[in-house]
PDB file of N, CA and C in Angstrom:
ATOM      1  N   MET A   1    -184.961-132.076-144.935  1.00  0.00           N
ATOM      2  CA  MET A   1    -185.709-132.458-145.888  1.00  0.00           C
ATOM      3  C   MET A   1    -185.779-133.859-146.041  1.00  0.00           C
ATOM      4  N   PRO A   2    -186.531-134.777-146.185  1.00  0.00           N
ATOM      5  CA  PRO A   2    -186.672-136.042-146.209  1.00  0.00           C
ATOM      6  C   PRO A   2    -186.225-136.034-147.645  1.00  0.00           C
ATOM      7  N   ASP A   3    -185.739-137.588-147.790  1.00  0.00           N
ATOM      8  CA  ASP A   3    -185.130-137.937-149.195  1.00  0.00           C
ATOM      9  C   ASP A   3    -186.111-139.150-149.642  1.00  0.00           C
ATOM     10  N   LEU A   4    -186.703-139.061-150.512  1.00  0.00           N
ATOM     11  CA  LEU A   4    -187.617-139.814-151.924  1.00  0.00           C
ATOM     12  C   LEU A   4    -187.048-141.065-152.245  1.00  0.00           C
ATOM     13  N   GLY A   5    -185.491-141.119-152.615  1.00  0.00           N
ATOM     14  CA  GLY A   5    -184.878-141.579-153.285  1.00  0.00           C
ATOM     15  C   GLY A   5    -185.149-141.577-155.029  1.00  0.00           C
ATOM     16  N   LYS A   6    -184.861-142.520-155.642  1.00  0.00           N
ATOM     17  CA  LYS A   6    -184.608-142.500-157.040  1.00  0.00           C
ATOM     18  C   LYS A   6    -186.040-143.481-157.830  1.00  0.00           C
ATOM     19  N   ALA A   7    -186.443-144.302-157.278  1.00  0.00           N
ATOM     20  CA  ALA A   7    -187.452-145.365-157.671  1.00  0.00           C
ATOM     21  C   ALA A   7    -188.412-145.688-156.287  1.00  0.00           C
ATOM     22  N   PRO A   8    -188.964-144.357-155.928  1.00  0.00           N
ATOM     23  CA  PRO A   8    -189.537-144.744-154.547  1.00  0.00           C
ATOM     24  C   PRO A   8    -191.089-145.682-154.865  1.00  0.00           C
ATOM     25  N   GLN A   9    -191.472-146.504-154.117  1.00  0.00           N
ATOM     26  CA  GLN A   9    -192.702-147.462-154.321  1.00  0.00           C
ATOM     27  C   GLN A   9    -193.744-146.833-153.645  1.00  0.00           C
ATOM     28  N   LEU A  10    -195.181-147.213-153.856  1.00  0.00           N
ATOM     29  CA  LEU A  10    -195.971-146.219-153.143  1.00  0.00           C
ATOM     30  C   LEU A  10    -195.980-145.755-151.497  1.00  0.00           C
ATOM     31  N   GLY A  11    -195.514-147.040-150.767  1.00  0.00           N
ATOM     32  CA  GLY A  11    -195.229-146.760-149.740  1.00  0.00           C
ATOM     33  C   GLY A  11    -194.274-145.868-149.046  1.00  0.00           C
ATOM     34  N   ASP A  12    -193.104-145.727-150.005  1.00  0.00           N
ATOM     35  CA  ASP A  12    -192.263-144.969-149.559  1.00  0.00           C
ATOM     36  C   ASP A  12    -193.106-143.463-149.815  1.00  0.00           C
ATOM     37  N   LEU A  13    -194.003-143.351-150.641  1.00  0.00           N
ATOM     38  CA  LEU A  13    -194.406-142.264-151.201  1.00  0.00           C
ATOM     39  C   LEU A  13    -195.272-141.868-149.621  1.00  0.00           C
ATOM     40  N   GLN A  14    -195.721-142.437-149.071  1.00  0.00           N
ATOM     41  CA  GLN A  14    -196.534-142.183-147.714  1.00  0.00           C
ATOM     42  C   GLN A  14    -195.727-141.913-146.672  1.00  0.00           C
ATOM     43  N   ARG A  15    -194.672-142.888-146.257  1.00  0.00           N
ATOM     44  CA  ARG A  15    -194.041-142.538-145.384  1.00  0.00           C
ATOM     45  C   ARG A  15    -193.248-140.844-146.181  1.00  0.00           C
ATOM     46  N   TYR A  16    -192.931-140.486-147.177  1.00  0.00           N
ATOM     47  CA  TYR A  16    -192.312-139.336-147.444  1.00  0.00           C
ATOM     48  C   TYR A  16    -193.455-137.968-146.905  1.00  0.00           C
ATOM     49  N   VAL A  17    -194.358-138.186-147.270  1.00  0.00           N
ATOM     50  CA  VAL A  17    -195.376-137.372-147.063  1.00  0.00           C
ATOM     51  C   VAL A  17    -195.777-137.500-145.294  1.00  0.00           C
ATOM     52  N   THR A  18    -195.456-138.418-144.677  1.00  0.00           N
ATOM     53  CA  THR A  18    -195.376-138.152-142.858  1.00  0.00           C
ATOM     54  C   THR A  18    -194.563-137.384-142.855  1.00  0.00           C
ATOM     55  N   GLU A  19    -193.198-137.583-143.185  1.00  0.00           N
ATOM     56  CA  GLU A  19    -192.266-136.693-142.827  1.00  0.00           C
ATOM     57  C   GLU A  19    -192.048-135.684-143.517  1.00  0.00           C
ATOM     58  N   LEU A  20    -192.543-135.246-144.131  1.00  0.00           N
ATOM     59  CA  LEU A  20    -192.985-134.014-145.194  1.00  0.00           C
ATOM     60  C   LEU A  20    -193.734-133.250-143.796  1.00  0.00           C
ATOM     61  N   GLU A  21    -194.591-133.617-143.695  1.00  0.00           N
ATOM     62  CA  GLU A  21    -195.888-133.132-142.847  1.00  0.00           C
ATOM     63  C   GLU A  21    -195.319-132.528-141.936  1.00  0.00           C
ATOM     64  N   PHE A  22    -194.566-133.527-140.778  1.00  0.00           N
ATOM     65  CA  PHE A  22    -194.091-133.167-139.590  1.00  0.00           C
ATOM     66  C   PHE A  22    -193.217-131.768-139.958  1.00  0.00           C
ATOM     67  N   GLU A  23    -192.010-132.015-141.140  1.00  0.00           N
ATOM     68  CA  GLU A  23    -190.952-131.516-140.886  1.00  0.00           C
ATOM     69  C   GLU A  23    -192.084-129.722-141.162  1.00  0.00           C
ATOM     70  N   ARG A  24    -192.350-129.814-141.953  1.00  0.00           N
ATOM     71  CA  ARG A  24    -193.466-128.609-142.142  1.00  0.00           C
ATOM     72  C   ARG A  24    -194.387-127.803-141.650  1.00  0.00           C
ATOM     73  N   GLY A  25    -194.583-128.846-140.081  1.00  0.00           N
ATOM     74  CA  GLY A  25    -195.614-128.827-139.364  1.00  0.00           C
ATOM     75  C   GLY A  25    -196.821-128.364-139.530  1.00  0.00           C
ATOM     76  N   PHE A  26    -197.176-129.444-140.249  1.00  0.00           N
ATOM     77  CA  PHE A  26    -198.936-129.702-141.153  1.00  0.00           C
ATOM     78  C   PHE A  26    -199.180-131.230-140.746  1.00  0.00           C
ATOM     79  N   ASP A  27    -198.640-131.528-139.216  1.00  0.00           N
ATOM     80  CA  ASP A  27    -198.769-133.199-139.001  1.00  0.00           C
ATOM     81  C   ASP A  27    -200.143-133.195-138.233  1.00  0.00           C
ATOM     82  N   THR A  28    -200.474-131.772-137.814  1.00  0.00           N
ATOM     83  CA  THR A  28    -201.577-131.678-136.679  1.00  0.00           C
ATOM     84  C   THR A  28    -202.565-131.725-137.388  1.00  0.00           C
ATOM     85  N   GLN A  29    -202.878-131.469-138.623  1.00  0.00           N
ATOM     86  CA  GLN A  29    -204.146-130.896-139.477  1.00  0.00           C
ATOM     87  C   GLN A  29    -205.050-132.520-139.738  1.00  0.00           C
ATOM     88  N   THR A  30    -206.188-132.341-139.335  1.00  0.00           N
ATOM     89  CA  THR A  30    -206.910-134.054-139.241  1.00  0.00           C
ATOM     90  C   THR A  30    -207.389-134.791-140.643  1.00  0.00           C
ATOM     91  N   ALA A  31    -207.844-135.785-140.645  1.00  0.00           N
ATOM     92  CA  ALA A  31    -208.451-136.258-142.035  1.00  0.00           C
ATOM     93  C   ALA A  31    -209.414-135.212-142.702  1.00  0.00           C
ATOM     94  N   ARG A  32    -210.428-134.941-141.592  1.00  0.00           N
ATOM     95  CA  ARG A  32    -211.134-133.336-142.486  1.00  0.00           C
ATOM     96  C   ARG A  32    -210.505-132.669-143.169  1.00  0.00           C
ATOM     97  N   ASP A  33    -209.608-132.136-142.560  1.00  0.00           N
ATOM     98  CA  ASP A  33    -208.906-130.860-142.917  1.00  0.00           C
ATOM     99  C   ASP A  33    -207.773-131.447-144.482  1.00  0.00           C
ATOM    100  N   LYS A  34    -207.484-132.464-144.412  1.00  0.00           N
ATOM    101  CA  LYS A  34    -206.894-133.014-145.546  1.00  0.00           C
ATOM    102  C   LYS A  34    -207.758-133.287-146.888  1.00  0.00           C
ATOM    103  N   CYS A  35    -209.211-133.991-146.359  1.00  0.00           N
ATOM    104  CA  CYS A  35    -210.049-133.869-147.320  1.00  0.00           C
ATOM    105  C   CYS A  35    -210.454-132.629-147.817  1.00  0.00           C
ATOM    106  N   LEU A  36    -210.933-131.565-147.162  1.00  0.00           N
ATOM    107  CA  LEU A  36    -211.341-130.361-147.399  1.00  0.00           C
ATOM    108  C   LEU A  36    -210.098-129.849-148.485  1.00  0.00           C
ATOM    109  N   LEU A  37    -208.893-129.774-147.936  1.00  0.00           N
ATOM    110  CA  LEU A  37    -207.734-129.441-149.065  1.00  0.00           C
ATOM    111  C   LEU A  37    -207.859-130.176-150.219  1.00  0.00           C
ATOM    112  N   LEU A  38    -207.786-131.660-150.058  1.00  0.00           N
ATOM    113  CA  LEU A  38    -207.899-132.593-151.626  1.00  0.00           C
ATOM    114  C   LEU A  38    -208.947-132.244-152.155  1.00  0.00           C
ATOM    115  N   GLY A  39    -210.316-131.777-151.599  1.00  0.00           N
ATOM    116  CA  GLY A  39    -211.098-131.161-153.083  1.00  0.00           C
ATOM    117  C   GLY A  39    -210.750-130.081-153.531  1.00  0.00           C
ATOM    118  N   GLU A  40    -209.748-128.968-152.952  1.00  0.00           N
ATOM    119  CA  GLU A  40    -209.623-127.745-153.352  1.00  0.00           C
ATOM    120  C   GLU A  40    -208.872-127.871-154.284  1.00  0.00           C
ATOM    121  N   GLU A  41    -207.568-129.032-154.071  1.00  0.00           N
ATOM    122  CA  GLU A  41    -206.476-129.281-154.852  1.00  0.00           C
ATOM    123  C   GLU A  41    -207.191-130.152-156.447  1.00  0.00           C
ATOM    124  N   VAL A  42    -208.818-131.005-156.310  1.00  0.00           N
ATOM    125  CA  VAL A  42    -208.925-131.621-157.665  1.00  0.00           C
ATOM    126  C   VAL A  42    -209.433-130.500-158.445  1.00  0.00           C
ATOM    127  N   GLY A  43    -210.404-129.520-157.303  1.00  0.00           N
ATOM    128  CA  GLY A  43    -210.541-128.181-158.297  1.00  0.00           C
ATOM    129  C   GLY A  43    -209.497-127.422-159.108  1.00  0.00           C
ATOM    130  N   GLU A  44    -208.326-127.231-158.465  1.00  0.00           N
ATOM    131  CA  GLU A  44    -207.637-126.894-159.306  1.00  0.00           C
ATOM    132  C   GLU A  44    -207.197-127.724-160.724  1.00  0.00           C
ATOM    133  N   LEU A  45    -206.935-128.833-160.286  1.00  0.00           N
ATOM    134  CA  LEU A  45    -206.637-130.140-161.407  1.00  0.00           C
ATOM    135  C   LEU A  45    -207.582-129.881-162.631  1.00  0.00           C
ATOM    136  N   PHE A  46    -208.627-129.852-162.298  1.00  0.00           N
ATOM    137  CA  PHE A  46    -209.992-129.859-163.284  1.00  0.00           C
ATOM    138  C   PHE A  46    -209.514-128.151-163.711  1.00  0.00           C
ATOM    139  N   ARG A  47    -209.222-127.291-163.349  1.00  0.00           N
ATOM    140  CA  ARG A  47    -209.005-126.045-163.910  1.00  0.00           C
ATOM    141  C   ARG A  47    -207.816-125.981-165.157  1.00  0.00           C
ATOM    142  N   ALA A  48    -206.816-126.845-164.760  1.00  0.00           N
ATOM    143  CA  ALA A  48    -205.931-127.508-165.299  1.00  0.00           C
ATOM    144  C   ALA A  48    -205.555-127.866-166.347  1.00  0.00           C
ATOM    145  N   VAL A  49    -206.987-128.925-166.179  1.00  0.00           N
ATOM    146  CA  VAL A  49    -207.138-129.789-167.379  1.00  0.00           C
ATOM    147  C   VAL A  49    -208.262-128.812-168.331  1.00  0.00           C
ATOM    148  N   ARG A  50    -208.605-128.347-167.869  1.00  0.00           N
ATOM    149  CA  ARG A  50    -209.692-126.902-169.164  1.00  0.00           C
ATOM    150  C   ARG A  50    -209.028-126.408-169.455  1.00  0.00           C
ATOM    151  N   ARG A  51    -207.720-125.840-169.228  1.00  0.00           N
ATOM    152  CA  ARG A  51    -206.697-125.105-169.626  1.00  0.00           C
ATOM    153  C   ARG A  51    -206.001-125.971-170.744  1.00  0.00           C
ATOM    154  N   ALA A  52    -205.370-126.722-170.483  1.00  0.00           N
ATOM    155  CA  ALA A  52    -205.094-127.936-171.101  1.00  0.00           C
ATOM    156  C   ALA A  52    -205.608-128.401-172.374  1.00  0.00           C
ATOM    157  N   GLU A  53    -206.642-128.820-172.173  1.00  0.00           N
ATOM    158  CA  GLU A  53    -207.614-128.966-173.193  1.00  0.00           C
ATOM    159  C   GLU A  53    -208.249-127.863-174.092  1.00  0.00           C
ATOM    160  N   GLY A  54    -207.944-126.624-173.643  1.00  0.00           N
ATOM    161  CA  GLY A  54    -208.292-125.533-174.928  1.00  0.00           C
ATOM    162  C   GLY A  54    -209.903-124.940-174.460  1.00  0.00           C
ATOM    163  N   LEU A  55    -210.347-125.497-173.127  1.00  0.00           N
ATOM    164  CA  LEU A  55    -211.734-124.999-172.484  1.00  0.00           C
ATOM    165  C   LEU A  55    -211.539-123.343-172.279  1.00  0.00           C
ATOM    166  N   LYS A  56    -212.672-122.714-172.431  1.00  0.00           N
ATOM    167  CA  LYS A  56    -212.269-121.189-171.571  1.00  0.00           C
ATOM    168  C   LYS A  56    -212.334-121.583-170.199  1.00  0.00           C
ATOM    169  N   VAL A  57    -211.254-120.692-169.727  1.00  0.00           N
ATOM    170  CA  VAL A  57    -211.118-120.074-168.375  1.00  0.00           C
ATOM    171  C   VAL A  57    -211.194-118.583-168.637  1.00  0.00           C
ATOM    172  N   ASP A  58    -210.914-118.517-166.909  1.00  0.00           N
ATOM    173  CA  ASP A  58    -210.863-117.120-166.466  1.00  0.00           C
ATOM    174  C   ASP A  58    -209.744-116.544-166.354  1.00  0.00           C
ATOM    175  N   PRO A  59    -209.601-115.767-167.283  1.00  0.00           N
ATOM    176  CA  PRO A  59    -207.811-115.500-167.458  1.00  0.00           C
ATOM    177  C   PRO A  59    -206.991-114.693-166.126  1.00  0.00           C
ATOM    178  N   THR A  60    -207.845-114.392-165.551  1.00  0.00           N
ATOM    179  CA  THR A  60    -207.345-113.649-164.402  1.00  0.00           C
ATOM    180  C   THR A  60    -206.874-114.852-163.331  1.00  0.00           C
ATOM    181  N   SER A  61    -207.356-116.164-163.870  1.00  0.00           N
ATOM    182  CA  SER A  61    -206.955-117.618-162.471  1.00  0.00           C
ATOM    183  C   SER A  61    -205.431-117.553-162.365  1.00  0.00           C
ATOM    184  N   ARG A  62    -205.358-118.453-161.720  1.00  0.00           N
ATOM    185  CA  ARG A  62    -203.761-118.709-161.351  1.00  0.00           C
ATOM    186  C   ARG A  62    -203.487-120.101-162.522  1.00  0.00           C
ATOM    187  N   PRO A  63    -202.656-119.487-163.330  1.00  0.00           N
ATOM    188  CA  PRO A  63    -202.319-120.360-164.441  1.00  0.00           C
ATOM    189  C   PRO A  63    -201.754-122.394-163.396  1.00  0.00           C
ATOM    190  N   ALA A  64    -202.306-122.986-163.576  1.00  0.00           N
ATOM    191  CA  ALA A  64    -201.812-124.199-162.819  1.00  0.00           C
ATOM    192  C   ALA A  64    -201.387-125.363-164.038  1.00  0.00           C
ATOM    193  N   GLU A  65    -200.955-126.096-163.803  1.00  0.00           N
ATOM    194  CA  GLU A  65    -200.116-127.380-164.665  1.00  0.00           C
ATOM    195  C   GLU A  65    -200.226-128.733-164.248  1.00  0.00           C
ATOM    196  N   VAL A  66    -201.007-129.426-165.267  1.00  0.00           N
ATOM    197  CA  VAL A  66    -201.622-130.671-164.560  1.00  0.00           C
ATOM    198  C   VAL A  66    -200.858-131.500-163.838  1.00  0.00           C
ATOM    199  N   ASP A  67    -199.437-131.816-164.313  1.00  0.00           N
ATOM    200  CA  ASP A  67    -198.249-132.426-163.364  1.00  0.00           C
ATOM    201  C   ASP A  67    -198.370-131.854-162.100  1.00  0.00           C
ATOM    202  N   ASP A  68    -198.452-130.790-161.880  1.00  0.00           N
ATOM    203  CA  ASP A  68    -198.377-129.699-160.256  1.00  0.00           C
ATOM    204  C   ASP A  68    -199.494-130.461-159.211  1.00  0.00           C
ATOM    205  N   GLU A  69    -201.154-130.412-160.094  1.00  0.00           N
ATOM    206  CA  GLU A  69    -201.783-130.530-159.854  1.00  0.00           C
ATOM    207  C   GLU A  69    -202.209-132.107-159.147  1.00  0.00           C
ATOM    208  N   LEU A  70    -202.032-132.817-160.034  1.00  0.00           N
ATOM    209  CA  LEU A  70    -201.895-134.260-159.748  1.00  0.00           C
ATOM    210  C   LEU A  70    -200.814-134.965-158.779  1.00  0.00           C
ATOM    211  N   ALA A  71    -199.570-134.086-158.318  1.00  0.00           N
ATOM    212  CA  ALA A  71    -198.646-134.545-157.263  1.00  0.00           C
ATOM    213  C   ALA A  71    -199.412-134.147-156.157  1.00  0.00           C
ATOM    214  N   ASP A  72    -200.062-132.484-156.064  1.00  0.00           N
ATOM    215  CA  ASP A  72    -200.633-131.962-154.975  1.00  0.00           C
ATOM    216  C   ASP A  72    -202.086-133.114-154.460  1.00  0.00           C
ATOM    217  N   CYS A  73    -202.422-133.725-155.507  1.00  0.00           N
ATOM    218  CA  CYS A  73    -203.719-134.390-155.016  1.00  0.00           C
ATOM    219  C   CYS A  73    -203.214-135.658-154.792  1.00  0.00           C
ATOM    220  N   LEU A  74    -201.988-136.171-154.756  1.00  0.00           N
ATOM    221  CA  LEU A  74    -201.371-137.190-154.694  1.00  0.00           C
ATOM    222  C   LEU A  74    -201.167-137.478-153.227  1.00  0.00           C
ATOM    223  N   ILE A  75    -200.035-136.553-153.084  1.00  0.00           N
ATOM    224  CA  ILE A  75    -199.858-135.630-151.822  1.00  0.00           C
ATOM    225  C   ILE A  75    -201.193-135.506-150.212  1.00  0.00           C
ATOM    226  N   TYR A  76    -201.786-135.542-151.039  1.00  0.00           N
ATOM    227  CA  TYR A  76    -202.942-135.047-149.742  1.00  0.00           C
ATOM    228  C   TYR A  76    -203.588-136.835-149.920  1.00  0.00           C
ATOM    229  N   LEU A  77    -203.836-137.523-150.533  1.00  0.00           N
ATOM    230  CA  LEU A  77    -204.026-138.726-150.992  1.00  0.00           C
ATOM    231  C   LEU A  77    -203.292-139.558-149.715  1.00  0.00           C
ATOM    232  N   CYS A  78    -201.905-139.507-149.993  1.00  0.00           N
ATOM    233  CA  CYS A  78    -201.668-139.983-149.133  1.00  0.00           C
ATOM    234  C   CYS A  78    -201.532-139.984-147.292  1.00  0.00           C
ATOM    235  N   ALA A  79    -201.355-138.290-147.467  1.00  0.00           N
ATOM    236  CA  ALA A  79    -201.671-138.308-146.259  1.00  0.00           C
ATOM    237  C   ALA A  79    -203.107-138.277-145.142  1.00  0.00           C
ATOM    238  N   ILE A  80    -204.178-138.453-146.452  1.00  0.00           N
ATOM    239  CA  ILE A  80    -205.577-139.089-145.756  1.00  0.00           C
ATOM    240  C   ILE A  80    -205.336-140.594-145.335  1.00  0.00           C
ATOM    241  N   ALA A  81    -204.698-141.038-146.117  1.00  0.00           N
ATOM    242  CA  ALA A  81    -204.236-142.626-145.615  1.00  0.00           C
ATOM    243  C   ALA A  81    -203.247-142.897-144.746  1.00  0.00           C
ATOM    244  N   ASN A  82    -202.982-142.177-144.482  1.00  0.00           N
ATOM    245  CA  ASN A  82    -201.562-142.431-143.828  1.00  0.00           C
ATOM    246  C   ASN A  82    -202.826-141.781-142.158  1.00  0.00           C
ATOM    247  N   ARG A  83    -203.629-140.919-142.301  1.00  0.00           N
ATOM    248  CA  ARG A  83    -204.279-140.739-140.692  1.00  0.00           C
ATOM    249  C   ARG A  83    -205.211-141.765-140.329  1.00  0.00           C
ATOM    250  N   TYR A  84    -205.573-142.605-141.622  1.00  0.00           N
ATOM    251  CA  TYR A  84    -206.158-143.869-141.132  1.00  0.00           C
ATOM    252  C   TYR A  84    -205.923-144.875-141.341  1.00  0.00           C
ATOM    253  N   GLY A  85    -204.288-145.138-141.238  1.00  0.00           N
ATOM    254  CA  GLY A  85    -203.489-146.227-141.493  1.00  0.00           C
ATOM    255  C   GLY A  85    -203.600-147.289-142.623  1.00  0.00           C
ATOM    256  N   VAL A  86    -204.126-146.140-143.760  1.00  0.00           N
ATOM    257  CA  VAL A  86    -204.057-147.156-144.837  1.00  0.00           C
ATOM    258  C   VAL A  86    -202.859-147.301-145.410  1.00  0.00           C
ATOM    259  N   ASP A  87    -202.353-148.443-146.223  1.00  0.00           N
ATOM    260  CA  ASP A  87    -201.615-149.234-146.933  1.00  0.00           C
ATOM    261  C   ASP A  87    -202.167-148.710-148.244  1.00  0.00           C
ATOM    262  N   LEU A  88    -202.019-147.739-149.113  1.00  0.00           N
ATOM    263  CA  LEU A  88    -202.262-147.312-150.059  1.00  0.00           C
ATOM    264  C   LEU A  88    -202.145-148.710-151.117  1.00  0.00           C
ATOM    265  N   GLU A  89    -200.725-149.009-151.563  1.00  0.00           N
ATOM    266  CA  GLU A  89    -200.769-150.514-151.984  1.00  0.00           C
ATOM    267  C   GLU A  89    -201.183-151.596-152.052  1.00  0.00           C
ATOM    268  N   ALA A  90    -201.960-151.853-150.636  1.00  0.00           N
ATOM    269  CA  ALA A  90    -202.119-153.377-150.438  1.00  0.00           C
ATOM    270  C   ALA A  90    -203.702-152.403-150.549  1.00  0.00           C
ATOM    271  N   ALA A  91    -204.261-151.673-150.230  1.00  0.00           N
ATOM    272  CA  ALA A  91    -205.496-150.987-150.557  1.00  0.00           C
ATOM    273  C   ALA A  91    -205.743-151.705-152.094  1.00  0.00           C
ATOM    274  N   PHE A  92    -205.014-151.042-153.127  1.00  0.00           N
ATOM    275  CA  PHE A  92    -205.343-150.634-154.460  1.00  0.00           C
ATOM    276  C   PHE A  92    -205.374-151.920-155.057  1.00  0.00           C
ATOM    277  N   ARG A  93    -204.380-152.653-154.449  1.00  0.00           N
ATOM    278  CA  ARG A  93    -204.519-154.042-154.900  1.00  0.00           C
ATOM    279  C   ARG A  93    -205.770-155.197-154.424  1.00  0.00           C
ATOM    280  N   ALA A  94    -205.979-155.028-153.539  1.00  0.00           N
ATOM    281  CA  ALA A  94    -207.504-155.264-152.932  1.00  0.00           C
ATOM    282  C   ALA A  94    -208.749-155.146-153.944  1.00  0.00           C
ATOM    283  N   LYS A  95    -208.430-153.843-154.052  1.00  0.00           N
ATOM    284  CA  LYS A  95    -209.983-153.057-154.684  1.00  0.00           C
ATOM    285  C   LYS A  95    -209.588-153.694-156.225  1.00  0.00           C
ATOM    286  N   GLU A  96    -208.155-153.826-156.824  1.00  0.00           N
ATOM    287  CA  GLU A  96    -208.518-154.284-158.138  1.00  0.00           C
ATOM    288  C   GLU A  96    -208.215-155.733-158.287  1.00  0.00           C
ATOM    289  N   ALA A  97    -208.261-156.592-157.092  1.00  0.00           N
ATOM    290  CA  ALA A  97    -208.585-158.000-157.032  1.00  0.00           C
ATOM    291  C   ALA A  97    -210.163-157.945-157.341  1.00  0.00           C
ATOM    292  N   ARG A  98    -210.940-157.315-156.450  1.00  0.00           N
ATOM    293  CA  ARG A  98    -212.422-157.346-156.644  1.00  0.00           C
ATOM    294  C   ARG A  98    -212.914-156.579-157.558  1.00  0.00           C
ATOM    295  N   ASN A  99    -211.968-155.880-158.385  1.00  0.00           N
ATOM    296  CA  ASN A  99    -212.784-155.408-159.568  1.00  0.00           C
ATOM    297  C   ASN A  99    -212.524-156.399-160.655  1.00  0.00           C
ATOM    298  N   ALA A 100    -211.500-157.090-161.303  1.00  0.00           N
ATOM    299  CA  ALA A 100    -210.899-158.190-161.988  1.00  0.00           C
ATOM    300  C   ALA A 100    -212.379-159.171-161.735  1.00  0.00           C
ATOM    301  N   GLU A 101    -213.462-159.291-160.488  1.00  0.00           N
ATOM    302  CA  GLU A 101    -214.234-160.124-160.648  1.00  0.00           C
ATOM    303  C   GLU A 101    -215.405-159.763-161.736  1.00  0.00           C
ATOM    304  N   ARG A 102    -215.551-158.392-161.341  1.00  0.00           N
ATOM    305  CA  ARG A 102    -216.848-157.675-161.853  1.00  0.00           C
ATOM    306  C   ARG A 102    -216.627-157.763-163.224  1.00  0.00           C
ATOM    307  N   ALA A 103    -218.137-157.681-163.670  1.00  0.00           N
ATOM    308  CA  ALA A 103    -218.452-157.540-165.423  1.00  0.00           C
ATOM    309  C   ALA A 103    -218.441-156.061-165.857  1.00  0.00           C
ATOM    310  N   TRP A 104    -217.886-155.696-166.654  1.00  0.00           N
ATOM    311  CA  TRP A 104    -217.795-153.857-167.403  1.00  0.00           C
ATOM    312  C   TRP A 104    -218.489-153.857-168.378  1.00  0.00           C
ATOM    313  N   THR A 105    -219.499-153.159-168.564  1.00  0.00           N
ATOM    314  CA  THR A 105    -220.329-152.930-169.360  1.00  0.00           C
ATOM    315  C   THR A 105    -220.735-151.499-169.830  1.00  0.00           C
ATOM    316  N   ALA A 106    -221.121-150.844-170.935  1.00  0.00           N
ATOM    317  CA  ALA A 106    -221.567-149.880-171.337  1.00  0.00           C
ATOM    318  C   ALA A 106    -223.199-149.779-170.654  1.00  0.00           C
ATOM    319  N   GLU A 107    -223.194-147.914-170.182  1.00  0.00           N
ATOM    320  CA  GLU A 107    -224.376-148.425-169.608  1.00  0.00           C
ATOM    321  C   GLU A 107    -225.281-147.539-170.512  1.00  0.00           C
ATOM    322  N   THR A 108    -226.622-148.231-170.523  1.00  0.00           N
ATOM    323  CA  THR A 108    -227.669-147.901-171.558  1.00  0.00           C
ATOM    324  C   THR A 108    -228.693-146.580-170.914  1.00  0.00           C
ATOM    325  N   PRO A 109    -229.101-145.768-171.574  1.00  0.00           N
ATOM    326  CA  PRO A 109    -229.809-144.523-170.925  1.00  0.00           C
ATOM    327  C   PRO A 109    -231.131-145.302-170.589  1.00  0.00           C
ATOM    328  N   PRO A 110    -231.790-144.940-169.879  1.00  0.00           N
ATOM    329  CA  PRO A 110    -233.003-145.563-169.567  1.00  0.00           C
ATOM    330  C   PRO A 110    -234.082-144.995-170.750  1.00  0.00           C
ATOM    331  N   ALA A 111    -235.064-146.071-170.787  1.00  0.00           N
ATOM    332  CA  ALA A 111    -236.395-145.680-172.122  1.00  0.00           C
ATOM    333  C   ALA A 111    -236.941-144.864-171.630  1.00  0.00           C
ATOM    334  N   GLN A 112    -237.079-143.995-172.436  1.00  0.00           N
ATOM    335  CA  GLN A 112    -238.566-142.717-172.602  1.00  0.00           C
ATOM    336  C   GLN A 112    -239.571-143.182-172.574  1.00  0.00           C
ATOM    337  N   SER A 113    -240.594-142.728-171.890  1.00  0.00           N
ATOM    338  CA  SER A 113    -242.425-143.172-172.008  1.00  0.00           C
ATOM    339  C   SER A 113    -242.547-141.978-173.098  1.00  0.00           C
ATOM    340  N   ALA A 114    -243.557-142.826-174.058  1.00  0.00           N
ATOM    341  CA  ALA A 114    -244.479-141.864-175.184  1.00  0.00           C
ATOM    342  C   ALA A 114    -245.536-140.986-174.285  1.00  0.00           C
TER     343      ALA A 114
END
C-alpha cells in the first residue's frame, strides 16, 4: 500500500491516487469511467448531506457519512486530473487568481411582466 505521509500536499494526494489505482487494478479505467464514477459518488454525498441535515431519505438506502463521500469524490477528482496531466494545485491557484479579478454580486431575479 502506498504511503501518504502525515501532512500531504495536493500533489502528494495525486501521486498517492496514481499508486493506489495501480495497486488495486483501477489504472486502466478511462477519464470517462472516472467521471461516471465521480457522478455516482456525488449522488452518495448528496444523500449523506440530506441525512445529516435531517431531510427525509429512503430508510432502506445504505447510510453514508459526509466525510467518507467527500473523500471518495476527492479520490476521483485526483484520478481524473491525473488522466489529463492536470496539476490540481496549479489549476486551483490559477483559477483563484482569475476569480480574484471578478466582481461577485447577488443575482437579481428577472422582472415579471404584467
